[in-house]
C-alpha cells in the first residue's frame, strides 16, 4: 500500500468520523424539535456516510 493510498484512506476515515458525529448531533436536535428540515439533512448525512463506507470497501 502506497503512502498516498494510506493518506487517502485515513482522510476518508477522519471525514467519516466527523460525519457520524454530525449525524448524532443532528439526531439529538431532531428528537427535541421534530423539525422536517433537520430530518431531511439527517437523510442526506446518512446517504453521505453510506457512500463513504462503500468507498472504503
PDB file of N, CA and C in Angstrom:
ATOM      1  N   UNK A   1       0.856  -1.175   0.000  1.00  0.00           N
ATOM      2  CA  UNK A   1       0.000   0.000   0.000  1.00  0.00           C
ATOM      3  C   UNK A   1       0.900   1.235   0.000  1.00  0.00           C
ATOM      4  N   UNK A   2       0.648   2.139  -0.907  1.00  0.00           N
ATOM      5  CA  UNK A   2       1.485   3.321  -1.010  1.00  0.00           C
ATOM      6  C   UNK A   2       1.112   4.355   0.050  1.00  0.00           C
ATOM      7  N   UNK A   3       1.984   5.334   0.218  1.00  0.00           N
ATOM      8  CA  UNK A   3       1.738   6.383   1.208  1.00  0.00           C
ATOM      9  C   UNK A   3       0.492   7.186   0.845  1.00  0.00           C
ATOM     10  N   UNK A   4       0.337   7.508  -0.437  1.00  0.00           N
ATOM     11  CA  UNK A   4      -0.828   8.290  -0.869  1.00  0.00           C
ATOM     12  C   UNK A   4      -2.120   7.529  -0.583  1.00  0.00           C
ATOM     13  N   UNK A   5      -2.113   6.239  -0.837  1.00  0.00           N
ATOM     14  CA  UNK A   5      -3.310   5.443  -0.591  1.00  0.00           C
ATOM     15  C   UNK A   5      -3.627   5.412   0.900  1.00  0.00           C
ATOM     16  N   UNK A   6      -2.610   5.243   1.727  1.00  0.00           N
ATOM     17  CA  UNK A   6      -2.810   5.242   3.175  1.00  0.00           C
ATOM     18  C   UNK A   6      -3.334   6.595   3.637  1.00  0.00           C
ATOM     19  N   UNK A   7      -2.765   7.664   3.108  1.00  0.00           N
ATOM     20  CA  UNK A   7      -3.210   9.004   3.495  1.00  0.00           C
ATOM     21  C   UNK A   7      -4.657   9.215   3.072  1.00  0.00           C
ATOM     22  N   UNK A   8      -4.994   8.817   1.856  1.00  0.00           N
ATOM     23  CA  UNK A   8      -6.373   8.961   1.379  1.00  0.00           C
ATOM     24  C   UNK A   8      -7.340   8.183   2.256  1.00  0.00           C
ATOM     25  N   UNK A   9      -6.965   6.980   2.612  1.00  0.00           N
ATOM     26  CA  UNK A   9      -7.834   6.152   3.453  1.00  0.00           C
ATOM     27  C   UNK A   9      -8.016   6.793   4.833  1.00  0.00           C
ATOM     28  N   UNK A  10      -6.943   7.306   5.399  1.00  0.00           N
ATOM     29  CA  UNK A  10      -7.034   7.967   6.707  1.00  0.00           C
ATOM     30  C   UNK A  10      -7.893   9.226   6.634  1.00  0.00           C
ATOM     31  N   UNK A  11      -7.785   9.974   5.541  1.00  0.00           N
ATOM     32  CA  UNK A  11      -8.589  11.178   5.367  1.00  0.00           C
ATOM     33  C   UNK A  11     -10.073  10.809   5.261  1.00  0.00           C
ATOM     34  N   UNK A  12     -10.371   9.749   4.518  1.00  0.00           N
ATOM     35  CA  UNK A  12     -11.755   9.295   4.397  1.00  0.00           C
ATOM     36  C   UNK A  12     -12.280   8.845   5.753  1.00  0.00           C
ATOM     37  N   UNK A  13     -11.467   8.128   6.518  1.00  0.00           N
ATOM     38  CA  UNK A  13     -11.893   7.690   7.849  1.00  0.00           C
ATOM     39  C   UNK A  13     -12.155   8.882   8.766  1.00  0.00           C
ATOM     40  N   UNK A  14     -11.281   9.878   8.720  1.00  0.00           N
ATOM     41  CA  UNK A  14     -11.466  11.069   9.540  1.00  0.00           C
ATOM     42  C   UNK A  14     -12.749  11.796   9.146  1.00  0.00           C
ATOM     43  N   UNK A  15     -12.976  11.967   7.839  1.00  0.00           N
ATOM     44  CA  UNK A  15     -14.210  12.595   7.368  1.00  0.00           C
ATOM     45  C   UNK A  15     -15.426  11.802   7.816  1.00  0.00           C
ATOM     46  N   UNK A  16     -15.318  10.488   7.776  1.00  0.00           N
ATOM     47  CA  UNK A  16     -16.421   9.621   8.187  1.00  0.00           C
ATOM     48  C   UNK A  16     -16.743   9.799   9.669  1.00  0.00           C
ATOM     49  N   UNK A  17     -15.711   9.896  10.490  1.00  0.00           N
ATOM     50  CA  UNK A  17     -15.906  10.121  11.926  1.00  0.00           C
ATOM     51  C   UNK A  17     -16.607  11.458  12.164  1.00  0.00           C
ATOM     52  N   UNK A  18     -16.196  12.494  11.446  1.00  0.00           N
ATOM     53  CA  UNK A  18     -16.849  13.792  11.590  1.00  0.00           C
ATOM     54  C   UNK A  18     -18.305  13.736  11.137  1.00  0.00           C
ATOM     55  N   UNK A  19     -18.562  13.045  10.035  1.00  0.00           N
ATOM     56  CA  UNK A  19     -19.940  12.921   9.538  1.00  0.00           C
ATOM     57  C   UNK A  19     -20.823  12.174  10.531  1.00  0.00           C
ATOM     58  N   UNK A  20     -20.294  11.118  11.115  1.00  0.00           N
ATOM     59  CA  UNK A  20     -21.073  10.354  12.095  1.00  0.00           C
ATOM     60  C   UNK A  20     -21.353  11.213  13.320  1.00  0.00           C
ATOM     61  N   UNK A  21     -20.372  12.003  13.733  1.00  0.00           N
ATOM     62  CA  UNK A  21     -20.564  12.906  14.865  1.00  0.00           C
ATOM     63  C   UNK A  21     -21.674  13.912  14.567  1.00  0.00           C
ATOM     64  N   UNK A  22     -21.646  14.485  13.370  1.00  0.00           N
ATOM     65  CA  UNK A  22     -22.692  15.430  12.981  1.00  0.00           C
ATOM     66  C   UNK A  22     -24.050  14.748  12.905  1.00  0.00           C
ATOM     67  N   UNK A  23     -24.069  13.510  12.446  1.00  0.00           N
ATOM     68  CA  UNK A  23     -25.323  12.768  12.379  1.00  0.00           C
ATOM     69  C   UNK A  23     -25.914  12.582  13.774  1.00  0.00           C
ATOM     70  N   UNK A  24     -25.082  12.188  14.733  1.00  0.00           N
ATOM     71  CA  UNK A  24     -25.569  12.008  16.109  1.00  0.00           C
ATOM     72  C   UNK A  24     -26.056  13.322  16.705  1.00  0.00           C
ATOM     73  N   UNK A  25     -25.325  14.403  16.454  1.00  0.00           N
ATOM     74  CA  UNK A  25     -25.767  15.708  16.947  1.00  0.00           C
ATOM     75  C   UNK A  25     -27.103  16.093  16.329  1.00  0.00           C
ATOM     76  N   UNK A  26     -27.242  15.816  15.032  1.00  0.00           N
ATOM     77  CA  UNK A  26     -28.499  16.112  14.344  1.00  0.00           C
ATOM     78  C   UNK A  26     -29.655  15.304  14.895  1.00  0.00           C
ATOM     79  N   UNK A  27     -29.395  14.036  15.220  1.00  0.00           N
ATOM     80  CA  UNK A  27     -30.445  13.185  15.790  1.00  0.00           C
ATOM     81  C   UNK A  27     -30.915  13.750  17.125  1.00  0.00           C
ATOM     82  N   UNK A  28     -29.973  14.188  17.944  1.00  0.00           N
ATOM     83  CA  UNK A  28     -30.331  14.763  19.242  1.00  0.00           C
ATOM     84  C   UNK A  28     -31.181  16.017  19.055  1.00  0.00           C
ATOM     85  N   UNK A  29     -30.775  16.886  18.139  1.00  0.00           N
ATOM     86  CA  UNK A  29     -31.543  18.111  17.886  1.00  0.00           C
ATOM     87  C   UNK A  29     -32.910  17.757  17.310  1.00  0.00           C
ATOM     88  N   UNK A  30     -32.950  16.814  16.360  1.00  0.00           N
ATOM     89  CA  UNK A  30     -34.221  16.445  15.740  1.00  0.00           C
ATOM     90  C   UNK A  30     -35.191  15.865  16.764  1.00  0.00           C
ATOM     91  N   UNK A  31     -34.683  15.062  17.707  1.00  0.00           N
ATOM     92  CA  UNK A  31     -35.554  14.474  18.725  1.00  0.00           C
ATOM     93  C   UNK A  31     -36.205  15.555  19.581  1.00  0.00           C
ATOM     94  N   UNK A  32     -35.499  16.682  19.764  1.00  0.00           N
ATOM     95  CA  UNK A  32     -36.046  17.765  20.577  1.00  0.00           C
ATOM     96  C   UNK A  32     -37.013  18.648  19.788  1.00  0.00           C
ATOM     97  N   UNK A  33     -36.746  18.844  18.503  1.00  0.00           N
ATOM     98  CA  UNK A  33     -37.528  19.807  17.722  1.00  0.00           C
ATOM     99  C   UNK A  33     -38.515  19.159  16.752  1.00  0.00           C
ATOM    100  N   UNK A  34     -38.220  17.936  16.302  1.00  0.00           N
ATOM    101  CA  UNK A  34     -39.039  17.247  15.281  1.00  0.00           C
ATOM    102  C   UNK A  34     -39.162  18.072  13.994  1.00  0.00           C
ATOM    103  N   UNK A  35     -38.138  18.861  13.697  1.00  0.00           N
ATOM    104  CA  UNK A  35     -38.142  19.717  12.512  1.00  0.00           C
ATOM    105  C   UNK A  35     -37.985  18.880  11.235  1.00  0.00           C
ATOM    106  N   UNK A  36     -38.862  19.088  10.239  1.00  0.00           N
ATOM    107  CA  UNK A  36     -38.735  18.344   8.981  1.00  0.00           C
ATOM    108  C   UNK A  36     -37.450  18.699   8.215  1.00  0.00           C
ATOM    109  N   UNK A  37     -36.990  19.942   8.358  1.00  0.00           N
ATOM    110  CA  UNK A  37     -35.761  20.349   7.670  1.00  0.00           C
ATOM    111  C   UNK A  37     -34.557  19.600   8.235  1.00  0.00           C
ATOM    112  N   UNK A  38     -34.507  19.446   9.532  1.00  0.00           N
ATOM    113  CA  UNK A  38     -33.410  18.696  10.150  1.00  0.00           C
ATOM    114  C   UNK A  38     -33.487  17.237   9.724  1.00  0.00           C
ATOM    115  N   UNK A  39     -34.683  16.683   9.646  1.00  0.00           N
ATOM    116  CA  UNK A  39     -34.859  15.295   9.209  1.00  0.00           C
ATOM    117  C   UNK A  39     -34.317  15.107   7.794  1.00  0.00           C
ATOM    118  N   UNK A  40     -34.564  16.062   6.905  1.00  0.00           N
ATOM    119  CA  UNK A  40     -34.046  15.980   5.534  1.00  0.00           C
ATOM    120  C   UNK A  40     -32.518  15.982   5.542  1.00  0.00           C
ATOM    121  N   UNK A  41     -31.943  16.808   6.381  1.00  0.00           N
ATOM    122  CA  UNK A  41     -30.474  16.870   6.462  1.00  0.00           C
ATOM    123  C   UNK A  41     -29.898  15.574   7.029  1.00  0.00           C
ATOM    124  N   UNK A  42     -30.599  14.973   7.974  1.00  0.00           N
ATOM    125  CA  UNK A  42     -30.148  13.695   8.523  1.00  0.00           C
ATOM    126  C   UNK A  42     -30.136  12.617   7.440  1.00  0.00           C
ATOM    127  N   UNK A  43     -31.124  12.639   6.579  1.00  0.00           N
ATOM    128  CA  UNK A  43     -31.171  11.669   5.484  1.00  0.00           C
ATOM    129  C   UNK A  43     -29.997  11.889   4.534  1.00  0.00           C
ATOM    130  N   UNK A  44     -29.666  13.144   4.260  1.00  0.00           N
ATOM    131  CA  UNK A  44     -28.516  13.448   3.402  1.00  0.00           C
ATOM    132  C   UNK A  44     -27.228  12.950   4.048  1.00  0.00           C
ATOM    133  N   UNK A  45     -27.051  13.202   5.342  1.00  0.00           N
ATOM    134  CA  UNK A  45     -25.860  12.712   6.043  1.00  0.00           C
ATOM    135  C   UNK A  45     -25.783  11.194   6.002  1.00  0.00           C
ATOM    136  N   UNK A  46     -26.912  10.537   6.177  1.00  0.00           N
ATOM    137  CA  UNK A  46     -26.945   9.079   6.141  1.00  0.00           C
ATOM    138  C   UNK A  46     -26.470   8.567   4.784  1.00  0.00           C
ATOM    139  N   UNK A  47     -26.934   9.174   3.701  1.00  0.00           N
ATOM    140  CA  UNK A  47     -26.511   8.768   2.360  1.00  0.00           C
ATOM    141  C   UNK A  47     -25.020   9.040   2.148  1.00  0.00           C
ATOM    142  N   UNK A  48     -24.545  10.165   2.652  1.00  0.00           N
ATOM    143  CA  UNK A  48     -23.129  10.509   2.538  1.00  0.00           C
ATOM    144  C   UNK A  48     -22.258   9.492   3.268  1.00  0.00           C
ATOM    145  N   UNK A  49     -22.681   9.105   4.452  1.00  0.00           N
ATOM    146  CA  UNK A  49     -21.928   8.122   5.235  1.00  0.00           C
ATOM    147  C   UNK A  49     -21.919   6.769   4.521  1.00  0.00           C
ATOM    148  N   UNK A  50     -23.053   6.362   3.978  1.00  0.00           N
ATOM    149  CA  UNK A  50     -23.109   5.097   3.238  1.00  0.00           C
ATOM    150  C   UNK A  50     -22.153   5.115   2.053  1.00  0.00           C
ATOM    151  N   UNK A  51     -22.116   6.235   1.335  1.00  0.00           N
ATOM    152  CA  UNK A  51     -21.226   6.366   0.179  1.00  0.00           C
ATOM    153  C   UNK A  51     -19.758   6.266   0.598  1.00  0.00           C
ATOM    154  N   UNK A  52     -19.403   6.933   1.697  1.00  0.00           N
ATOM    155  CA  UNK A  52     -18.015   6.879   2.165  1.00  0.00           C
ATOM    156  C   UNK A  52     -17.635   5.479   2.627  1.00  0.00           C
ATOM    157  N   UNK A  53     -18.566   4.783   3.272  1.00  0.00           N
ATOM    158  CA  UNK A  53     -18.285   3.409   3.686  1.00  0.00           C
ATOM    159  C   UNK A  53     -18.066   2.498   2.478  1.00  0.00           C
ATOM    160  N   UNK A  54     -18.830   2.710   1.423  1.00  0.00           N
ATOM    161  CA  UNK A  54     -18.651   1.932   0.205  1.00  0.00           C
ATOM    162  C   UNK A  54     -17.290   2.222  -0.425  1.00  0.00           C
ATOM    163  N   UNK A  55     -16.843   3.486  -0.362  1.00  0.00           N
ATOM    164  CA  UNK A  55     -15.546   3.858  -0.934  1.00  0.00           C
ATOM    165  C   UNK A  55     -14.382   3.244  -0.160  1.00  0.00           C
ATOM    166  N   UNK A  56     -14.586   2.972   1.123  1.00  0.00           N
ATOM    167  CA  UNK A  56     -13.516   2.342   1.907  1.00  0.00           C
ATOM    168  C   UNK A  56     -13.319   0.889   1.501  1.00  0.00           C
ATOM    169  N   UNK A  57     -14.432   0.258   1.076  1.00  0.00           N
ATOM    170  CA  UNK A  57     -14.516  -1.126   0.661  1.00  0.00           C
ATOM    171  C   UNK A  57     -13.279  -1.847   0.672  1.00  0.00           C
TER     172      UNK A  57
END
